[in-house]
Amino acid sequence: MSGDTQAITAGRKTFFIQPDTSLLPENFCEEYLVDGFEAYFVGKLPNFSLENYIDYLYESFNDLILFFNIDSPPPNGETWSQFIRRINAKYEGKVLIGVLYTKRQNKEEKPVIEKVYLFDIGIMCGCIQLEYQKKNNFGIIEKVLYANQAMGRRKQVRALCNKNCTFDFVFNKNSYKGQLQDISLSHFSFILPHGMLNMPMYEKIDGIQMTVKGAHIRTSAVLFLSRPVNNGADDLFVFMFVHANGNQGLEEVAKQTILPKLYEMLYENCMTLLKETILEDQKKQKLDWDRKRHELGKNQ
């Protein structure tokens, strides 16, 4: 596994399966990043069965929480309870499962749903009843994510950067600019040739200009860590964002500016890795089929 792949797969990921976006909008996922939760939506799958897609998710990101919207159309030929029972048994606790459903008019339905999923099937992440007003559901899901340790071991989610993410600052009258390696709401990093930047630890730099996928911010940061990489040819620098007054973190305006871009990069990185997993499996299936067809031809 490459370093990039390890960075993308690090941490626990939550996928909401066919959610009702009128009750749970996708932009909630951006806001959950502030708390360190990495969450994504899975909508309709015209080209895959849901079970195959879950297999690909597990193969790509093996620390998963799946929340199924049981008010959406169930997989072909099964009820949601049948499907979830089978998936829960298939992964034997390696994939954590919860269900979402809209608040019922008949109060007697709630204990019936809970009995089926919590006690009969044994899902581990709860039966979550959503309110009719989406503003109330943000806090409901936030508490559920926290209760199910959706953050994993990470305090912040970091996104790998590409050439669309740059930095520019001045230190000791010298200008430094380049491409960011990764960025989160608390830290960022970059690599420079060995010896180019000589900076004491915990040095504070003001007026750092950043571009993150077209979004521009100006911020301050403190050198948090530096070490040689690439067999000593380069140096890696990790900075911690601080306010102008020295408090940790990004200023609120800067945070809200880059938050959508950070989520966009995380989503793109995950979907790219997922597509690679799918293509690799399809390639393997084709090779297996070609081999069987060849053997069949030899035997005729």
Protein backbone atom coordinates (compact mmCIF):
# COMPACT_ATOMS: atom_id res chain seq x y z
CA MET A 1 0.00 0.00 0.00
CA SER A 2 1.44 3.37 -1.02
CA GLY A 3 1.79 6.30 1.35
CA ASP A 4 -0.99 8.16 -0.47
CA THR A 5 -3.32 5.18 -0.20
CA GLN A 6 -2.56 4.82 3.51
CA ALA A 7 -3.35 8.50 4.04
CA ILE A 8 -6.66 8.22 2.19
CA THR A 9 -7.78 5.05 3.99
CA ALA A 10 -6.67 6.23 7.44
CA GLY A 11 -9.39 6.63 10.01
CA ARG A 12 -12.99 5.53 10.28
CA LYS A 13 -15.41 6.47 7.51
CA THR A 14 -19.18 6.72 7.73
CA PHE A 15 -21.42 6.15 4.71
CA PHE A 16 -25.10 7.06 4.70
CA ILE A 17 -26.85 4.67 2.30
CA GLN A 18 -29.65 6.26 0.23
CA PRO A 19 -30.44 8.98 2.79
CA ASP A 20 -33.46 11.26 2.54
CA THR A 21 -31.71 14.52 1.62
CA SER A 22 -34.76 16.57 2.58
CA LEU A 23 -34.12 15.47 6.17
CA LEU A 24 -30.36 14.92 6.03
CA PRO A 25 -28.70 17.26 3.48
CA GLU A 26 -25.29 16.30 2.12
CA ASN A 27 -23.72 19.57 3.26
CA PHE A 28 -24.06 18.27 6.84
CA CYS A 29 -21.04 16.10 5.99
CA GLU A 30 -18.88 19.21 5.56
CA GLU A 31 -19.87 20.50 8.99
CA TYR A 32 -19.15 17.14 10.64
CA LEU A 33 -15.53 17.54 9.52
CA VAL A 34 -15.18 20.25 12.18
CA ASP A 35 -15.67 17.51 14.79
CA GLY A 36 -13.33 15.13 12.99
CA PHE A 37 -16.04 12.94 11.42
CA GLU A 38 -15.49 11.80 7.82
CA ALA A 39 -18.89 11.02 6.33
CA TYR A 40 -20.22 10.49 2.80
CA PHE A 41 -23.51 9.81 1.03
CA VAL A 42 -24.25 6.82 -1.21
CA GLY A 43 -27.21 7.45 -3.51
CA LYS A 44 -28.82 5.22 -6.10
CA LEU A 45 -26.49 2.74 -7.78
CA PRO A 46 -27.59 2.16 -11.39
CA ASN A 47 -24.55 0.03 -12.29
CA PHE A 48 -23.98 -2.01 -9.13
CA SER A 49 -25.92 -4.07 -6.68
CA LEU A 50 -25.82 -2.49 -3.23
CA GLU A 51 -24.16 -5.58 -1.78
CA ASN A 52 -21.34 -5.45 -4.34
CA TYR A 53 -20.86 -1.77 -3.65
CA ILE A 54 -20.56 -2.46 0.07
CA ASP A 55 -17.99 -5.14 -0.71
CA TYR A 56 -15.98 -2.53 -2.65
CA LEU A 57 -16.31 -0.02 0.19
CA TYR A 58 -14.99 -2.58 2.65
CA GLU A 59 -12.11 -3.56 0.38
CA SER A 60 -11.15 0.09 -0.04
CA PHE A 61 -11.80 1.40 3.49
CA ASN A 62 -11.94 -1.41 6.00
CA ASP A 63 -12.97 0.70 9.02
CA LEU A 64 -16.59 1.48 8.17
CA ILE A 65 -19.88 2.57 9.65
CA LEU A 66 -22.91 2.16 7.37
CA PHE A 67 -26.25 3.83 8.08
CA PHE A 68 -29.09 2.50 5.93
CA ASN A 69 -32.16 4.61 5.27
CA ILE A 70 -34.85 1.96 5.66
CA ASP A 71 -37.50 4.32 4.22
CA SER A 72 -35.79 4.20 0.82
CA PRO A 73 -36.58 1.46 -1.73
CA PRO A 74 -34.96 -1.79 -0.52
CA PRO A 75 -32.58 -3.88 -2.65
CA ASN A 76 -34.29 -5.99 -5.28
CA GLY A 77 -36.05 -9.05 -3.95
CA GLU A 78 -35.49 -8.34 -0.26
CA THR A 79 -36.81 -6.23 2.56
CA TRP A 80 -34.35 -3.96 4.36
CA SER A 81 -34.41 -6.21 7.40
CA GLN A 82 -33.51 -9.25 5.26
CA PHE A 83 -30.72 -7.40 3.49
CA ILE A 84 -29.23 -5.85 6.63
CA ARG A 85 -29.41 -9.17 8.48
CA ARG A 86 -27.40 -10.80 5.70
CA ILE A 87 -24.82 -7.99 5.50
CA ASN A 88 -24.44 -7.92 9.28
CA ALA A 89 -23.82 -11.68 9.34
CA LYS A 90 -21.49 -11.52 6.35
CA TYR A 91 -19.08 -9.08 7.98
CA GLU A 92 -19.47 -10.37 11.54
CA GLY A 93 -18.97 -6.99 13.20
CA LYS A 94 -16.15 -5.87 10.89
CA VAL A 95 -18.58 -3.35 9.39
CA LEU A 96 -20.62 -1.39 11.94
CA ILE A 97 -24.26 -0.89 10.95
CA GLY A 98 -27.04 1.47 11.93
CA VAL A 99 -30.41 2.39 10.44
CA LEU A 100 -32.17 5.70 9.82
CA TYR A 101 -35.90 6.22 9.48
CA THR A 102 -38.37 9.09 9.57
CA LYS A 103 -40.32 9.73 12.74
CA ARG A 104 -43.46 7.58 12.71
CA GLN A 105 -46.96 8.92 13.26
CA ASN A 106 -47.82 5.72 15.09
CA LYS A 107 -45.66 5.58 18.22
CA GLU A 108 -46.06 1.80 18.40
CA GLU A 109 -43.88 1.39 15.29
CA LYS A 110 -40.67 2.58 16.97
CA PRO A 111 -40.29 -0.33 19.46
CA VAL A 112 -41.11 -2.80 16.67
CA ILE A 113 -38.32 -1.35 14.46
CA GLU A 114 -35.89 -1.37 17.37
CA LYS A 115 -36.71 -4.98 18.22
CA VAL A 116 -36.07 -6.15 14.64
CA TYR A 117 -32.79 -4.32 14.09
CA LEU A 118 -31.26 -4.01 17.56
CA PHE A 119 -32.30 -7.28 19.17
CA ASP A 120 -33.15 -9.73 16.38
CA ILE A 121 -30.45 -8.68 13.87
CA GLY A 122 -28.01 -7.22 16.39
CA ILE A 123 -26.81 -4.07 14.61
CA MET A 124 -24.38 -2.05 16.73
CA CYS A 125 -24.92 1.61 15.76
CA GLY A 126 -28.54 2.07 16.65
CA CYS A 127 -31.94 2.82 15.12
CA ILE A 128 -32.00 6.57 14.54
CA GLN A 129 -35.36 8.27 14.24
CA LEU A 130 -35.09 11.53 12.27
CA GLU A 131 -37.28 14.56 12.86
CA TYR A 132 -39.34 16.20 10.13
CA GLN A 133 -37.25 19.39 10.32
CA LYS A 134 -33.72 18.93 9.00
CA LYS A 135 -32.25 21.55 11.34
CA ASN A 136 -33.00 19.21 14.25
CA ASN A 137 -31.38 16.25 12.52
CA PHE A 138 -27.91 17.79 12.40
CA GLY A 139 -27.53 17.48 16.16
CA ILE A 140 -29.18 14.05 16.24
CA ILE A 141 -26.67 12.61 13.76
CA GLU A 142 -23.77 14.46 15.38
CA LYS A 143 -24.53 12.78 18.71
CA VAL A 144 -24.87 9.40 16.98
CA LEU A 145 -21.50 9.80 15.27
CA TYR A 146 -19.88 10.73 18.57
CA ALA A 147 -21.52 7.83 20.43
CA ASN A 148 -20.30 5.39 17.78
CA GLN A 149 -16.75 6.76 17.81
CA ALA A 150 -16.98 7.74 14.14
CA MET A 151 -13.88 9.87 14.59
CA GLY A 152 -11.80 6.75 15.20
CA ARG A 153 -8.38 7.62 16.62
CA ARG A 154 -8.01 10.87 14.70
CA LYS A 155 -8.61 14.33 16.08
CA GLN A 156 -8.72 15.91 12.63
CA VAL A 157 -9.29 14.62 9.13
CA ARG A 158 -6.52 15.56 6.70
CA ALA A 159 -6.80 15.70 2.94
CA LEU A 160 -4.03 15.01 0.46
CA CYS A 161 -3.31 18.00 -1.75
CA ASN A 162 -2.41 18.44 -5.41
CA LYS A 163 -1.06 21.31 -7.48
CA ASN A 164 -4.25 23.30 -6.78
CA CYS A 165 -3.15 23.77 -3.15
CA THR A 166 -0.28 26.21 -2.62
CA PHE A 167 1.40 28.25 0.12
CA ASP A 168 3.43 31.47 0.11
CA PHE A 169 5.11 33.16 3.09
CA VAL A 170 8.14 35.23 4.08
CA PHE A 171 10.59 34.24 6.81
CA ASN A 172 13.78 36.14 7.63
CA LYS A 173 13.25 38.31 4.54
CA ASN A 174 13.23 35.21 2.29
CA SER A 175 10.19 34.12 0.30
CA TYR A 176 9.02 30.50 0.36
CA LYS A 177 6.32 29.08 -1.85
CA GLY A 178 5.28 25.69 -3.13
CA GLN A 179 2.63 22.96 -3.08
CA LEU A 180 0.95 21.74 0.09
CA GLN A 181 1.28 18.05 0.92
CA ASP A 182 -1.86 17.81 3.01
CA ILE A 183 -4.16 20.02 5.02
CA SER A 184 -6.73 19.72 7.80
CA LEU A 185 -8.60 22.29 9.87
CA SER A 186 -5.75 22.21 12.39
CA HIS A 187 -2.51 21.53 10.47
CA PHE A 188 -0.87 21.63 7.06
CA SER A 189 2.40 20.32 5.67
CA PHE A 190 4.76 20.80 2.76
CA ILE A 191 8.16 19.57 1.53
CA LEU A 192 11.15 21.71 0.55
CA PRO A 193 14.67 20.73 -0.58
CA HIS A 194 16.91 19.90 2.37
CA GLY A 195 18.41 22.99 3.99
CA MET A 196 16.31 25.53 2.10
CA LEU A 197 14.30 26.51 5.17
CA ASN A 198 16.08 26.72 8.53
CA MET A 199 13.45 27.52 11.12
CA PRO A 200 13.47 26.86 14.87
CA MET A 201 10.68 24.72 16.28
CA TYR A 202 7.54 26.54 17.39
CA GLU A 203 8.40 29.61 15.35
CA LYS A 204 5.25 31.58 14.50
CA ILE A 205 4.75 32.86 10.97
CA ASP A 206 2.14 35.51 10.16
CA GLY A 207 0.70 36.42 6.79
CA ILE A 208 0.85 32.95 5.21
CA GLN A 209 -1.11 33.02 1.97
CA MET A 210 -2.78 29.81 0.85
CA THR A 211 -4.82 28.73 -2.11
CA VAL A 212 -6.91 25.60 -1.56
CA LYS A 213 -8.64 24.54 -4.79
CA GLY A 214 -9.28 28.16 -5.75
CA ALA A 215 -10.19 29.38 -2.23
CA HIS A 216 -7.78 31.98 -0.84
CA ILE A 217 -7.00 32.50 2.85
CA ARG A 218 -4.43 34.42 4.87
CA THR A 219 -3.44 32.83 8.14
CA SER A 220 -0.81 32.40 10.85
CA ALA A 221 0.84 29.14 11.88
CA VAL A 222 3.47 27.67 14.21
CA LEU A 223 6.09 25.11 13.15
CA PHE A 224 4.97 21.92 14.83
CA LEU A 225 7.36 19.33 13.38
CA SER A 226 10.16 19.00 10.85
CA ARG A 227 12.13 15.98 9.69
CA PRO A 228 14.16 14.79 6.69
CA VAL A 229 12.40 12.71 4.02
CA ASN A 230 13.28 11.12 0.69
CA ASN A 231 16.59 9.76 2.05
CA GLY A 232 17.57 13.18 3.32
CA ALA A 233 17.10 15.00 0.01
CA ASP A 234 14.13 16.97 1.33
CA ASP A 235 12.62 18.24 4.56
CA LEU A 236 9.01 17.82 5.64
CA PHE A 237 7.49 20.69 7.62
CA VAL A 238 4.24 20.40 9.58
CA PHE A 239 2.63 23.62 10.79
CA MET A 240 -0.24 24.13 13.21
CA PHE A 241 -2.76 26.85 12.42
CA VAL A 242 -3.02 29.60 15.04
CA HIS A 243 -5.04 32.77 15.35
CA ALA A 244 -3.25 36.09 15.12
CA ASN A 245 -3.46 36.26 18.94
CA GLY A 246 -1.77 32.86 19.27
CA ASN A 247 -4.81 30.66 20.00
CA GLN A 248 -4.81 27.31 18.20
CA GLY A 249 -6.83 26.81 15.04
CA LEU A 250 -7.97 28.73 12.00
CA GLU A 251 -9.81 32.02 12.23
CA GLU A 252 -13.51 31.40 11.68
CA VAL A 253 -13.66 33.14 8.30
CA ALA A 254 -10.69 31.13 7.00
CA LYS A 255 -12.19 27.91 8.37
CA GLN A 256 -15.52 28.43 6.61
CA THR A 257 -13.66 29.37 3.41
CA ILE A 258 -11.65 26.15 3.12
CA LEU A 259 -14.10 23.72 4.76
CA PRO A 260 -16.04 22.97 1.53
CA LYS A 261 -12.76 22.60 -0.38
CA LEU A 262 -11.35 20.25 2.23
CA TYR A 263 -14.44 18.06 2.02
CA GLU A 264 -14.30 18.16 -1.79
CA MET A 265 -10.69 16.91 -1.76
CA LEU A 266 -11.49 14.15 0.71
CA TYR A 267 -14.46 13.03 -1.38
CA GLU A 268 -12.45 13.07 -4.62
CA ASN A 269 -9.57 11.11 -3.06
CA CYS A 270 -11.92 8.47 -1.64
CA MET A 271 -13.92 8.09 -4.85
CA THR A 272 -10.73 7.79 -6.90
CA LEU A 273 -9.49 4.99 -4.65
CA LEU A 274 -12.90 3.29 -4.74
CA LYS A 275 -12.96 3.42 -8.56
CA GLU A 276 -9.48 1.88 -8.65
CA THR A 277 -10.72 -0.96 -6.43
CA ILE A 278 -13.72 -1.55 -8.70
CA LEU A 279 -11.64 -1.45 -11.90
CA GLU A 280 -9.06 -3.82 -10.44
CA ASP A 281 -11.79 -6.29 -9.48
CA GLN A 282 -13.42 -6.04 -12.91
CA LYS A 283 -10.03 -6.62 -14.55
CA LYS A 284 -9.49 -9.71 -12.38
CA GLN A 285 -12.95 -11.04 -13.22
CA LYS A 286 -12.27 -10.58 -16.95
CA LEU A 287 -8.93 -12.41 -16.68
CA ASP A 288 -10.62 -15.25 -14.80
CA TRP A 289 -13.34 -15.48 -17.43
CA ASP A 290 -10.83 -15.39 -20.31
CA ARG A 291 -8.83 -18.16 -18.66
CA LYS A 292 -11.90 -20.36 -18.14
CA ARG A 293 -13.01 -19.76 -21.73
CA HIS A 294 -9.53 -20.67 -22.98
CA GLU A 295 -9.51 -23.89 -20.92
CA LEU A 296 -12.98 -24.75 -22.16
CA GLY A 297 -11.82 -24.28 -25.77
CA LYS A 298 -8.84 -26.56 -25.23
CA ASN A 299 -11.07 -29.33 -23.87
CA GLN A 300 -13.48 -29.30 -26.79
